[in-house]
Amino acid sequence: MHKFGYLISLTVLLLIGLPMNGYGYPSKAAEGLIADGTEFEMEYMIPTGERRDIDTISLNIIKEDHYNGSVALYNGITLTHAWGDMTRSGVTSDCAAYGIGPTYLVRIGVKEWNAAAFFLDLSGALIFYDKHFPSNGEFYNFMWRIGPMFSCRIGEHFLFDVGYKWMHVSNGQLYWPELTGTAHNPAYNAKGLSISIVHCF
């Protein structure tokens, strides 16, 4: 998980200071495709490995908190449901849980056209589950997501967004066992699509 965190931090540091016109379009036009209303985003993730066969569906409810002309910062909550099974040491266990927690998103502008734009989304959430998850895990996990997002304007007051994301879910104990006294970390990875419709302007 720490390598994933390093990638997010490095990307943000490299891009956060660039103005929108540094990507090839004026900042005022770009700002029109940064949602200033509440965004409801649905995600469906499928597993990337056979031994950790866990599907995940999530609803992210986020709102822009800060925009500097090149990067928009959002905060909100994530509601999630995961189900499937995990095989560890030759033993397969069922995994299913519901979770909720605070989420934070960094949206970096990459390219814009007249009524559409291309962004890079990076987000992190702290999810608390209704049971220990995955099997023999903890009641909490960190949920990291990264991926491209395409946004287009529909009429005068709506945006439609579609994205592709990679996700890593982990309790962090493998890298910081001194915090919990154990290195038990049944993490899993997934990838999938996200869609959202935003009423703004």
N, C-alpha and C. Protein backbone atom coordinates (compact mmCIF):
# COMPACT_ATOMS: atom_id res chain seq x y z
N MET A 1 0.82 -1.20 0.00
CA MET A 1 0.00 0.00 0.00
C MET A 1 0.86 1.25 0.00
N HIS A 2 2.05 1.19 0.61
CA HIS A 2 2.87 2.39 0.69
C HIS A 2 3.36 2.80 -0.69
N LYS A 3 3.62 1.85 -1.62
CA LYS A 3 4.04 2.21 -2.96
C LYS A 3 2.93 2.95 -3.68
N PHE A 4 1.69 2.52 -3.48
CA PHE A 4 0.54 3.19 -4.08
C PHE A 4 0.41 4.61 -3.54
N GLY A 5 0.63 4.78 -2.25
CA GLY A 5 0.57 6.11 -1.66
C GLY A 5 1.67 7.02 -2.18
N TYR A 6 2.87 6.47 -2.38
CA TYR A 6 3.96 7.25 -2.94
C TYR A 6 3.61 7.74 -4.35
N LEU A 7 2.98 6.87 -5.17
CA LEU A 7 2.59 7.25 -6.52
C LEU A 7 1.61 8.40 -6.51
N ILE A 8 0.62 8.34 -5.64
CA ILE A 8 -0.36 9.42 -5.55
C ILE A 8 0.31 10.72 -5.14
N SER A 9 1.15 10.67 -4.12
CA SER A 9 1.82 11.88 -3.61
C SER A 9 2.70 12.50 -4.68
N LEU A 10 3.47 11.68 -5.40
CA LEU A 10 4.37 12.20 -6.43
C LEU A 10 3.59 12.85 -7.56
N THR A 11 2.51 12.22 -8.00
CA THR A 11 1.70 12.77 -9.08
C THR A 11 1.11 14.12 -8.71
N VAL A 12 0.58 14.21 -7.50
CA VAL A 12 -0.01 15.47 -7.04
C VAL A 12 1.04 16.57 -6.95
N LEU A 13 2.21 16.26 -6.42
CA LEU A 13 3.27 17.25 -6.28
C LEU A 13 3.75 17.76 -7.64
N LEU A 14 3.77 16.88 -8.65
CA LEU A 14 4.23 17.27 -9.98
C LEU A 14 3.22 18.15 -10.70
N LEU A 15 1.92 17.94 -10.42
CA LEU A 15 0.89 18.61 -11.20
C LEU A 15 0.14 19.71 -10.47
N ILE A 16 0.20 19.73 -9.15
CA ILE A 16 -0.67 20.62 -8.40
C ILE A 16 -0.37 22.10 -8.64
N GLY A 17 0.85 22.44 -9.01
CA GLY A 17 1.19 23.83 -9.22
C GLY A 17 0.96 24.33 -10.62
N LEU A 18 0.58 23.46 -11.56
CA LEU A 18 0.41 23.88 -12.94
C LEU A 18 -0.95 24.53 -13.15
N PRO A 19 -1.03 25.67 -13.84
CA PRO A 19 -2.32 26.27 -14.15
C PRO A 19 -3.04 25.47 -15.22
N MET A 20 -4.36 25.66 -15.33
CA MET A 20 -5.12 24.92 -16.32
C MET A 20 -4.65 25.21 -17.74
N ASN A 21 -4.25 26.47 -18.03
CA ASN A 21 -3.81 26.74 -19.38
C ASN A 21 -2.47 26.08 -19.68
N GLY A 22 -1.80 25.54 -18.67
CA GLY A 22 -0.61 24.75 -18.90
C GLY A 22 -0.93 23.41 -19.54
N TYR A 23 -2.19 22.98 -19.48
CA TYR A 23 -2.62 21.76 -20.14
C TYR A 23 -3.11 22.04 -21.56
N GLY A 24 -3.13 23.32 -21.99
CA GLY A 24 -3.51 23.63 -23.35
C GLY A 24 -4.88 24.24 -23.50
N TYR A 25 -5.51 24.71 -22.41
CA TYR A 25 -6.80 25.36 -22.52
C TYR A 25 -6.94 26.37 -21.41
N PRO A 26 -7.78 27.39 -21.58
CA PRO A 26 -7.89 28.47 -20.60
C PRO A 26 -8.56 28.01 -19.32
N SER A 27 -8.16 28.61 -18.22
CA SER A 27 -8.65 28.18 -16.91
C SER A 27 -10.14 28.43 -16.75
N LYS A 28 -10.70 29.50 -17.32
CA LYS A 28 -12.13 29.77 -17.15
C LYS A 28 -12.97 28.68 -17.81
N ALA A 29 -12.53 28.20 -18.97
CA ALA A 29 -13.27 27.12 -19.62
C ALA A 29 -13.18 25.84 -18.82
N ALA A 30 -12.02 25.58 -18.28
CA ALA A 30 -11.83 24.36 -17.50
C ALA A 30 -12.67 24.37 -16.24
N GLU A 31 -12.79 25.54 -15.63
CA GLU A 31 -13.54 25.64 -14.39
C GLU A 31 -15.00 25.26 -14.59
N GLY A 32 -15.52 25.46 -15.83
CA GLY A 32 -16.90 25.11 -16.10
C GLY A 32 -17.17 23.63 -16.04
N LEU A 33 -16.13 22.80 -16.13
CA LEU A 33 -16.29 21.36 -16.08
C LEU A 33 -15.83 20.78 -14.76
N ILE A 34 -15.53 21.64 -13.79
CA ILE A 34 -15.30 21.20 -12.42
C ILE A 34 -16.62 21.35 -11.67
N ALA A 35 -17.17 20.24 -11.23
CA ALA A 35 -18.50 20.27 -10.61
C ALA A 35 -18.47 21.02 -9.29
N ASP A 36 -19.30 22.07 -9.18
CA ASP A 36 -19.39 22.79 -7.91
C ASP A 36 -20.63 22.38 -7.13
N GLY A 37 -21.38 21.41 -7.64
CA GLY A 37 -22.51 20.86 -6.91
C GLY A 37 -22.12 19.53 -6.28
N THR A 38 -23.05 18.95 -5.54
CA THR A 38 -22.79 17.65 -4.94
C THR A 38 -22.76 16.58 -6.03
N GLU A 39 -21.75 15.76 -5.99
CA GLU A 39 -21.57 14.71 -7.01
C GLU A 39 -21.90 13.35 -6.41
N PHE A 40 -22.73 12.59 -7.11
CA PHE A 40 -23.08 11.23 -6.72
C PHE A 40 -22.44 10.29 -7.74
N GLU A 41 -21.46 9.54 -7.30
CA GLU A 41 -20.69 8.69 -8.20
C GLU A 41 -20.85 7.21 -7.81
N MET A 42 -21.24 6.39 -8.79
CA MET A 42 -21.36 4.95 -8.58
C MET A 42 -20.14 4.24 -9.18
N GLU A 43 -19.61 3.27 -8.45
CA GLU A 43 -18.48 2.48 -8.92
C GLU A 43 -18.81 0.99 -8.82
N TYR A 44 -18.35 0.25 -9.81
CA TYR A 44 -18.44 -1.21 -9.73
C TYR A 44 -17.07 -1.78 -10.06
N MET A 45 -16.48 -2.47 -9.11
CA MET A 45 -15.12 -2.99 -9.25
C MET A 45 -15.13 -4.52 -9.25
N ILE A 46 -14.34 -5.10 -10.16
CA ILE A 46 -14.19 -6.55 -10.20
C ILE A 46 -12.78 -6.90 -9.76
N PRO A 47 -12.58 -8.10 -9.21
CA PRO A 47 -11.25 -8.46 -8.68
C PRO A 47 -10.21 -8.61 -9.78
N THR A 48 -8.95 -8.37 -9.42
CA THR A 48 -7.85 -8.53 -10.36
C THR A 48 -7.09 -9.83 -10.13
N GLY A 49 -7.42 -10.58 -9.08
CA GLY A 49 -6.74 -11.84 -8.78
C GLY A 49 -7.72 -12.94 -8.45
N GLU A 50 -7.38 -14.18 -8.80
CA GLU A 50 -8.29 -15.31 -8.58
C GLU A 50 -8.40 -15.67 -7.10
N ARG A 51 -7.32 -15.52 -6.34
CA ARG A 51 -7.35 -15.94 -4.94
C ARG A 51 -8.09 -14.94 -4.05
N ARG A 52 -8.32 -13.74 -4.57
CA ARG A 52 -9.05 -12.73 -3.79
C ARG A 52 -10.19 -12.23 -4.67
N ASP A 53 -11.18 -13.10 -4.80
CA ASP A 53 -12.28 -12.92 -5.75
C ASP A 53 -13.41 -12.13 -5.09
N ILE A 54 -13.19 -10.82 -4.96
CA ILE A 54 -14.13 -9.95 -4.24
C ILE A 54 -14.60 -8.83 -5.17
N ASP A 55 -15.92 -8.74 -5.36
CA ASP A 55 -16.52 -7.65 -6.11
C ASP A 55 -16.89 -6.52 -5.15
N THR A 56 -16.85 -5.30 -5.65
CA THR A 56 -17.14 -4.14 -4.79
C THR A 56 -17.99 -3.13 -5.55
N ILE A 57 -19.07 -2.70 -4.93
CA ILE A 57 -19.87 -1.61 -5.47
C ILE A 57 -19.90 -0.49 -4.44
N SER A 58 -19.71 0.75 -4.91
CA SER A 58 -19.61 1.88 -3.97
C SER A 58 -20.38 3.08 -4.50
N LEU A 59 -20.87 3.88 -3.57
CA LEU A 59 -21.47 5.17 -3.87
C LEU A 59 -20.65 6.23 -3.16
N ASN A 60 -20.10 7.16 -3.95
CA ASN A 60 -19.33 8.28 -3.40
C ASN A 60 -20.19 9.54 -3.49
N ILE A 61 -20.38 10.21 -2.37
CA ILE A 61 -21.11 11.47 -2.33
C ILE A 61 -20.09 12.54 -1.94
N ILE A 62 -19.70 13.36 -2.90
CA ILE A 62 -18.60 14.30 -2.68
C ILE A 62 -18.98 15.70 -3.16
N LYS A 63 -18.27 16.69 -2.63
CA LYS A 63 -18.48 18.08 -3.02
C LYS A 63 -17.14 18.79 -3.05
N GLU A 64 -16.99 19.67 -4.04
CA GLU A 64 -15.74 20.41 -4.18
C GLU A 64 -15.50 21.28 -2.95
N ASP A 65 -14.27 21.22 -2.45
CA ASP A 65 -13.88 22.02 -1.28
C ASP A 65 -12.91 23.12 -1.66
N HIS A 66 -12.10 22.89 -2.70
CA HIS A 66 -11.09 23.88 -3.10
C HIS A 66 -10.74 23.68 -4.56
N TYR A 67 -10.50 24.78 -5.27
CA TYR A 67 -10.10 24.71 -6.68
C TYR A 67 -9.12 25.84 -6.95
N ASN A 68 -7.94 25.50 -7.47
CA ASN A 68 -6.91 26.52 -7.66
C ASN A 68 -6.58 26.79 -9.12
N GLY A 69 -7.43 26.34 -10.04
CA GLY A 69 -7.17 26.55 -11.45
C GLY A 69 -6.52 25.38 -12.14
N SER A 70 -6.01 24.43 -11.38
CA SER A 70 -5.42 23.23 -11.98
C SER A 70 -5.85 21.96 -11.29
N VAL A 71 -6.15 22.07 -9.99
CA VAL A 71 -6.51 20.90 -9.20
C VAL A 71 -7.73 21.23 -8.35
N ALA A 72 -8.69 20.31 -8.32
CA ALA A 72 -9.86 20.45 -7.47
C ALA A 72 -9.79 19.41 -6.36
N LEU A 73 -10.10 19.84 -5.14
CA LEU A 73 -10.11 18.94 -3.98
C LEU A 73 -11.56 18.74 -3.54
N TYR A 74 -11.93 17.49 -3.31
CA TYR A 74 -13.27 17.14 -2.89
C TYR A 74 -13.22 16.38 -1.57
N ASN A 75 -14.30 16.47 -0.80
CA ASN A 75 -14.46 15.59 0.36
C ASN A 75 -15.91 15.16 0.45
N GLY A 76 -16.13 14.06 1.18
CA GLY A 76 -17.48 13.54 1.30
C GLY A 76 -17.46 12.19 1.99
N ILE A 77 -18.38 11.31 1.59
CA ILE A 77 -18.46 9.99 2.20
C ILE A 77 -18.54 8.92 1.11
N THR A 78 -18.10 7.72 1.45
CA THR A 78 -18.23 6.55 0.59
C THR A 78 -19.06 5.49 1.31
N LEU A 79 -20.08 4.98 0.63
CA LEU A 79 -20.84 3.83 1.11
C LEU A 79 -20.50 2.67 0.19
N THR A 80 -20.20 1.52 0.74
CA THR A 80 -19.69 0.42 -0.08
C THR A 80 -20.23 -0.92 0.37
N HIS A 81 -20.34 -1.83 -0.58
CA HIS A 81 -20.71 -3.22 -0.31
C HIS A 81 -19.77 -4.11 -1.10
N ALA A 82 -19.15 -5.07 -0.43
CA ALA A 82 -18.23 -6.00 -1.08
C ALA A 82 -18.67 -7.43 -0.79
N TRP A 83 -18.46 -8.32 -1.75
CA TRP A 83 -18.85 -9.72 -1.57
C TRP A 83 -17.96 -10.61 -2.44
N GLY A 84 -17.81 -11.85 -2.03
CA GLY A 84 -17.00 -12.81 -2.77
C GLY A 84 -16.31 -13.77 -1.83
N ASP A 85 -15.13 -14.22 -2.21
CA ASP A 85 -14.37 -15.13 -1.35
C ASP A 85 -12.88 -14.87 -1.50
N MET A 86 -12.13 -15.33 -0.52
CA MET A 86 -10.68 -15.15 -0.49
C MET A 86 -10.03 -16.47 -0.09
N THR A 87 -8.94 -16.81 -0.80
CA THR A 87 -8.20 -18.04 -0.50
C THR A 87 -6.85 -17.67 0.09
N ARG A 88 -6.62 -18.12 1.32
CA ARG A 88 -5.36 -17.87 2.01
C ARG A 88 -4.88 -19.18 2.62
N SER A 89 -3.61 -19.52 2.32
CA SER A 89 -3.00 -20.76 2.84
C SER A 89 -3.84 -21.99 2.50
N GLY A 90 -4.43 -21.98 1.29
CA GLY A 90 -5.21 -23.11 0.83
C GLY A 90 -6.62 -23.19 1.37
N VAL A 91 -7.04 -22.22 2.17
CA VAL A 91 -8.38 -22.21 2.75
C VAL A 91 -9.19 -21.07 2.13
N THR A 92 -10.37 -21.41 1.58
CA THR A 92 -11.24 -20.42 0.97
C THR A 92 -12.35 -20.01 1.94
N SER A 93 -12.50 -18.70 2.14
CA SER A 93 -13.51 -18.18 3.07
C SER A 93 -14.41 -17.19 2.35
N ASP A 94 -15.69 -17.20 2.71
CA ASP A 94 -16.63 -16.22 2.16
C ASP A 94 -16.33 -14.84 2.75
N CYS A 95 -16.48 -13.82 1.91
CA CYS A 95 -16.25 -12.44 2.35
C CYS A 95 -17.41 -11.57 1.88
N ALA A 96 -18.06 -10.91 2.80
CA ALA A 96 -19.13 -9.97 2.45
C ALA A 96 -19.29 -8.99 3.59
N ALA A 97 -19.42 -7.70 3.24
CA ALA A 97 -19.57 -6.69 4.28
C ALA A 97 -20.11 -5.40 3.67
N TYR A 98 -20.72 -4.58 4.53
CA TYR A 98 -21.12 -3.22 4.18
C TYR A 98 -20.23 -2.25 4.94
N GLY A 99 -19.92 -1.11 4.31
CA GLY A 99 -19.06 -0.15 4.98
C GLY A 99 -19.40 1.28 4.63
N ILE A 100 -18.91 2.20 5.46
CA ILE A 100 -19.11 3.63 5.24
C ILE A 100 -17.94 4.37 5.86
N GLY A 101 -17.57 5.51 5.26
CA GLY A 101 -16.49 6.29 5.84
C GLY A 101 -16.18 7.54 5.04
N PRO A 102 -15.37 8.43 5.61
CA PRO A 102 -15.00 9.67 4.92
C PRO A 102 -14.09 9.40 3.74
N THR A 103 -14.26 10.20 2.69
CA THR A 103 -13.44 10.04 1.49
C THR A 103 -12.94 11.40 1.02
N TYR A 104 -11.77 11.41 0.42
CA TYR A 104 -11.15 12.63 -0.10
C TYR A 104 -10.65 12.36 -1.51
N LEU A 105 -10.89 13.30 -2.41
CA LEU A 105 -10.53 13.10 -3.81
C LEU A 105 -9.75 14.30 -4.34
N VAL A 106 -8.72 14.02 -5.13
CA VAL A 106 -7.96 15.03 -5.86
C VAL A 106 -8.25 14.83 -7.34
N ARG A 107 -8.73 15.86 -8.01
CA ARG A 107 -9.06 15.80 -9.45
C ARG A 107 -8.15 16.76 -10.20
N ILE A 108 -7.31 16.20 -11.06
CA ILE A 108 -6.30 16.97 -11.77
C ILE A 108 -6.69 17.10 -13.24
N GLY A 109 -6.75 18.34 -13.75
CA GLY A 109 -7.09 18.57 -15.14
C GLY A 109 -5.97 18.16 -16.07
N VAL A 110 -6.31 17.47 -17.15
CA VAL A 110 -5.32 17.01 -18.12
C VAL A 110 -5.57 17.63 -19.49
N LYS A 111 -6.82 17.63 -19.95
CA LYS A 111 -7.14 18.15 -21.28
C LYS A 111 -8.59 18.56 -21.33
N GLU A 112 -8.90 19.64 -22.06
CA GLU A 112 -10.29 20.07 -22.22
C GLU A 112 -10.61 20.41 -23.66
N TRP A 113 -11.86 20.10 -24.05
CA TRP A 113 -12.41 20.51 -25.33
C TRP A 113 -13.55 21.48 -25.06
N ASN A 114 -14.38 21.77 -26.05
CA ASN A 114 -15.43 22.78 -25.87
C ASN A 114 -16.40 22.43 -24.75
N ALA A 115 -16.88 21.20 -24.72
CA ALA A 115 -17.87 20.82 -23.71
C ALA A 115 -17.50 19.52 -23.03
N ALA A 116 -16.22 19.21 -23.00
CA ALA A 116 -15.77 17.96 -22.38
C ALA A 116 -14.37 18.16 -21.81
N ALA A 117 -13.98 17.28 -20.91
CA ALA A 117 -12.66 17.38 -20.30
C ALA A 117 -12.19 16.00 -19.84
N PHE A 118 -10.89 15.89 -19.70
CA PHE A 118 -10.25 14.65 -19.26
C PHE A 118 -9.48 14.95 -17.99
N PHE A 119 -9.72 14.16 -16.94
CA PHE A 119 -9.10 14.38 -15.64
C PHE A 119 -8.41 13.11 -15.14
N LEU A 120 -7.55 13.29 -14.16
CA LEU A 120 -7.00 12.17 -13.40
C LEU A 120 -7.53 12.27 -11.98
N ASP A 121 -8.20 11.24 -11.52
CA ASP A 121 -8.76 11.20 -10.17
C ASP A 121 -7.90 10.33 -9.27
N LEU A 122 -7.62 10.84 -8.06
CA LEU A 122 -6.91 10.08 -7.03
C LEU A 122 -7.67 10.26 -5.73
N SER A 123 -8.02 9.17 -5.08
CA SER A 123 -8.83 9.30 -3.87
C SER A 123 -8.41 8.30 -2.80
N GLY A 124 -8.72 8.67 -1.56
CA GLY A 124 -8.47 7.79 -0.43
C GLY A 124 -9.63 7.88 0.54
N ALA A 125 -9.99 6.75 1.14
CA ALA A 125 -11.10 6.71 2.09
C ALA A 125 -10.75 5.80 3.25
N LEU A 126 -11.30 6.11 4.41
CA LEU A 126 -11.19 5.25 5.58
C LEU A 126 -12.56 4.64 5.81
N ILE A 127 -12.68 3.34 5.55
CA ILE A 127 -13.97 2.66 5.57
C ILE A 127 -14.11 1.83 6.84
N PHE A 128 -15.24 1.98 7.52
CA PHE A 128 -15.58 1.16 8.69
C PHE A 128 -16.69 0.19 8.28
N TYR A 129 -16.48 -1.09 8.55
CA TYR A 129 -17.39 -2.14 8.10
C TYR A 129 -18.28 -2.64 9.23
N ASP A 130 -19.33 -3.37 8.84
CA ASP A 130 -20.24 -3.94 9.83
C ASP A 130 -19.71 -5.24 10.42
N LYS A 131 -18.56 -5.71 9.93
CA LYS A 131 -17.92 -6.91 10.46
C LYS A 131 -16.45 -6.87 10.06
N HIS A 132 -15.66 -7.78 10.59
CA HIS A 132 -14.27 -7.86 10.20
C HIS A 132 -14.20 -8.28 8.73
N PHE A 133 -13.45 -7.52 7.94
CA PHE A 133 -13.44 -7.71 6.49
C PHE A 133 -12.07 -7.36 5.91
N PRO A 134 -11.57 -8.14 4.90
CA PRO A 134 -12.10 -9.44 4.47
C PRO A 134 -12.02 -10.49 5.59
N SER A 135 -12.24 -11.74 5.24
CA SER A 135 -12.25 -12.80 6.24
C SER A 135 -11.00 -12.76 7.10
N ASN A 136 -11.19 -12.73 8.42
CA ASN A 136 -10.10 -12.65 9.40
C ASN A 136 -9.36 -11.32 9.33
N GLY A 137 -9.99 -10.30 8.75
CA GLY A 137 -9.38 -8.99 8.70
C GLY A 137 -9.81 -8.13 9.88
N GLU A 138 -9.87 -6.81 9.64
CA GLU A 138 -10.27 -5.87 10.68
C GLU A 138 -11.62 -5.26 10.33
N PHE A 139 -12.15 -4.44 11.24
CA PHE A 139 -13.43 -3.78 10.98
C PHE A 139 -13.25 -2.51 10.16
N TYR A 140 -12.01 -2.16 9.82
CA TYR A 140 -11.74 -0.97 9.01
C TYR A 140 -10.77 -1.35 7.89
N ASN A 141 -10.75 -0.52 6.84
CA ASN A 141 -9.76 -0.62 5.77
C ASN A 141 -9.56 0.75 5.15
N PHE A 142 -8.39 0.94 4.56
CA PHE A 142 -8.14 2.11 3.71
C PHE A 142 -8.47 1.71 2.28
N MET A 143 -9.18 2.57 1.58
CA MET A 143 -9.56 2.31 0.19
C MET A 143 -8.91 3.36 -0.70
N TRP A 144 -7.96 2.92 -1.53
CA TRP A 144 -7.22 3.82 -2.42
C TRP A 144 -7.69 3.58 -3.86
N ARG A 145 -7.95 4.66 -4.59
CA ARG A 145 -8.40 4.54 -5.98
C ARG A 145 -7.70 5.57 -6.85
N ILE A 146 -7.39 5.16 -8.08
CA ILE A 146 -6.75 6.06 -9.04
C ILE A 146 -7.21 5.69 -10.43
N GLY A 147 -7.39 6.71 -11.30
CA GLY A 147 -7.76 6.41 -12.67
C GLY A 147 -8.20 7.63 -13.45
N PRO A 148 -8.31 7.49 -14.77
CA PRO A 148 -8.75 8.59 -15.63
C PRO A 148 -10.26 8.77 -15.55
N MET A 149 -10.70 10.00 -15.80
CA MET A 149 -12.12 10.31 -15.78
C MET A 149 -12.44 11.27 -16.92
N PHE A 150 -13.47 10.96 -17.69
CA PHE A 150 -13.92 11.79 -18.80
C PHE A 150 -15.23 12.46 -18.41
N SER A 151 -15.30 13.78 -18.58
CA SER A 151 -16.48 14.55 -18.18
C SER A 151 -17.01 15.32 -19.38
N CYS A 152 -18.33 15.32 -19.56
CA CYS A 152 -18.92 16.12 -20.63
C CYS A 152 -20.15 16.85 -20.11
N ARG A 153 -20.41 18.00 -20.68
CA ARG A 153 -21.54 18.83 -20.27
C ARG A 153 -22.79 18.37 -21.00
N ILE A 154 -23.89 18.21 -20.26
CA ILE A 154 -25.19 17.85 -20.84
C ILE A 154 -26.14 19.01 -20.56
N GLY A 155 -26.47 19.77 -21.57
CA GLY A 155 -27.29 20.95 -21.36
C GLY A 155 -26.50 22.02 -20.62
N GLU A 156 -27.22 22.88 -19.91
CA GLU A 156 -26.57 23.99 -19.23
C GLU A 156 -26.24 23.71 -17.77
N HIS A 157 -26.86 22.69 -17.18
CA HIS A 157 -26.75 22.53 -15.73
C HIS A 157 -26.31 21.15 -15.27
N PHE A 158 -25.90 20.29 -16.20
CA PHE A 158 -25.54 18.93 -15.80
C PHE A 158 -24.19 18.53 -16.40
N LEU A 159 -23.47 17.72 -15.64
CA LEU A 159 -22.26 17.05 -16.12
C LEU A 159 -22.47 15.55 -16.05
N PHE A 160 -21.95 14.84 -17.05
CA PHE A 160 -21.94 13.38 -17.03
C PHE A 160 -20.48 12.94 -17.02
N ASP A 161 -20.12 12.11 -16.04
CA ASP A 161 -18.74 11.65 -15.89
C ASP A 161 -18.69 10.14 -16.00
N VAL A 162 -17.66 9.64 -16.66
CA VAL A 162 -17.40 8.20 -16.70
C VAL A 162 -15.90 8.00 -16.50
N GLY A 163 -15.54 7.04 -15.67
CA GLY A 163 -14.13 6.82 -15.36
C GLY A 163 -13.78 5.35 -15.28
N TYR A 164 -12.49 5.10 -15.27
CA TYR A 164 -11.96 3.74 -15.09
C TYR A 164 -10.95 3.82 -13.95
N LYS A 165 -11.10 2.94 -12.96
CA LYS A 165 -10.28 3.05 -11.75
C LYS A 165 -9.64 1.73 -11.35
N TRP A 166 -8.51 1.86 -10.70
CA TRP A 166 -7.87 0.75 -10.01
C TRP A 166 -8.00 1.01 -8.51
N MET A 167 -8.27 -0.03 -7.76
CA MET A 167 -8.53 0.13 -6.33
C MET A 167 -7.68 -0.85 -5.52
N HIS A 168 -7.19 -0.37 -4.38
CA HIS A 168 -6.48 -1.22 -3.42
C HIS A 168 -7.14 -1.02 -2.06
N VAL A 169 -7.55 -2.11 -1.43
CA VAL A 169 -8.18 -2.07 -0.11
C VAL A 169 -7.28 -2.80 0.87
N SER A 170 -6.91 -2.13 1.95
CA SER A 170 -5.91 -2.67 2.87
C SER A 170 -6.09 -2.03 4.24
N ASN A 171 -5.77 -2.79 5.30
CA ASN A 171 -5.84 -2.20 6.65
C ASN A 171 -4.52 -1.57 7.09
N GLY A 172 -3.48 -1.69 6.27
CA GLY A 172 -2.21 -1.02 6.55
C GLY A 172 -1.32 -1.70 7.56
N GLN A 173 -1.74 -2.80 8.14
CA GLN A 173 -0.97 -3.42 9.21
C GLN A 173 0.33 -4.05 8.71
N LEU A 174 0.36 -4.42 7.42
CA LEU A 174 1.57 -5.05 6.89
C LEU A 174 2.76 -4.10 6.94
N TYR A 175 2.49 -2.79 6.82
CA TYR A 175 3.56 -1.80 6.76
C TYR A 175 3.72 -1.02 8.06
N TRP A 176 2.68 -1.01 8.90
CA TRP A 176 2.77 -0.30 10.17
C TRP A 176 2.30 -1.19 11.31
N PRO A 177 2.92 -2.37 11.51
CA PRO A 177 2.45 -3.28 12.57
C PRO A 177 2.61 -2.71 13.97
N GLU A 178 3.48 -1.70 14.12
CA GLU A 178 3.67 -1.13 15.45
C GLU A 178 2.41 -0.40 15.93
N LEU A 179 1.51 -0.05 15.01
CA LEU A 179 0.28 0.63 15.40
C LEU A 179 -0.73 -0.33 16.01
N THR A 180 -0.67 -1.59 15.61
CA THR A 180 -1.69 -2.55 16.04
C THR A 180 -1.11 -3.79 16.70
N GLY A 181 0.20 -3.97 16.61
CA GLY A 181 0.82 -5.15 17.20
C GLY A 181 0.72 -6.39 16.35
N THR A 182 0.28 -6.25 15.09
CA THR A 182 0.16 -7.40 14.20
C THR A 182 0.45 -6.97 12.77
N ALA A 183 0.84 -7.93 11.95
CA ALA A 183 1.11 -7.65 10.53
C ALA A 183 0.10 -8.38 9.65
N HIS A 184 -1.08 -8.66 10.19
CA HIS A 184 -2.11 -9.40 9.45
C HIS A 184 -2.87 -8.44 8.55
N ASN A 185 -2.79 -8.64 7.23
CA ASN A 185 -3.36 -7.68 6.29
C ASN A 185 -3.94 -8.41 5.08
N PRO A 186 -5.16 -8.92 5.16
CA PRO A 186 -5.78 -9.59 4.01
C PRO A 186 -6.32 -8.58 3.00
N ALA A 187 -5.43 -7.92 2.28
CA ALA A 187 -5.80 -6.87 1.33
C ALA A 187 -6.32 -7.49 0.04
N TYR A 188 -6.96 -6.65 -0.79
CA TYR A 188 -7.35 -7.10 -2.13
C TYR A 188 -7.34 -5.93 -3.09
N ASN A 189 -7.23 -6.24 -4.38
CA ASN A 189 -7.19 -5.26 -5.45
C ASN A 189 -8.35 -5.47 -6.41
N ALA A 190 -8.78 -4.39 -7.06
CA ALA A 190 -9.89 -4.48 -8.01
C ALA A 190 -9.76 -3.37 -9.04
N LYS A 191 -10.54 -3.49 -10.09
CA LYS A 191 -10.58 -2.48 -11.15
C LYS A 191 -12.00 -2.41 -11.68
N GLY A 192 -12.37 -1.25 -12.25
CA GLY A 192 -13.72 -1.16 -12.77
C GLY A 192 -14.10 0.23 -13.21
N LEU A 193 -15.40 0.42 -13.45
CA LEU A 193 -15.93 1.65 -14.01
C LEU A 193 -16.65 2.48 -12.95
N SER A 194 -16.69 3.78 -13.21
CA SER A 194 -17.47 4.69 -12.37
C SER A 194 -18.28 5.61 -13.28
N ILE A 195 -19.49 5.97 -12.84
CA ILE A 195 -20.31 6.92 -13.58
C ILE A 195 -20.96 7.88 -12.58
N SER A 196 -21.17 9.09 -13.03
CA SER A 196 -21.85 10.07 -12.17
C SER A 196 -22.54 11.13 -13.02
N ILE A 197 -23.62 11.65 -12.49
CA ILE A 197 -24.31 12.79 -13.09
C ILE A 197 -24.40 13.87 -12.03
N VAL A 198 -23.99 15.07 -12.39
CA VAL A 198 -23.89 16.16 -11.43
C VAL A 198 -24.73 17.34 -11.89
N HIS A 199 -25.56 17.86 -11.00
CA HIS A 199 -26.27 19.11 -11.26
C HIS A 199 -25.45 20.25 -10.68
N CYS A 200 -25.07 21.19 -11.51
CA CYS A 200 -24.19 22.26 -11.03
C CYS A 200 -24.46 23.54 -11.81
N PHE A 201 -23.48 24.46 -11.68
CA PHE A 201 -23.56 25.79 -12.28
C PHE A 201 -24.70 26.58 -11.67
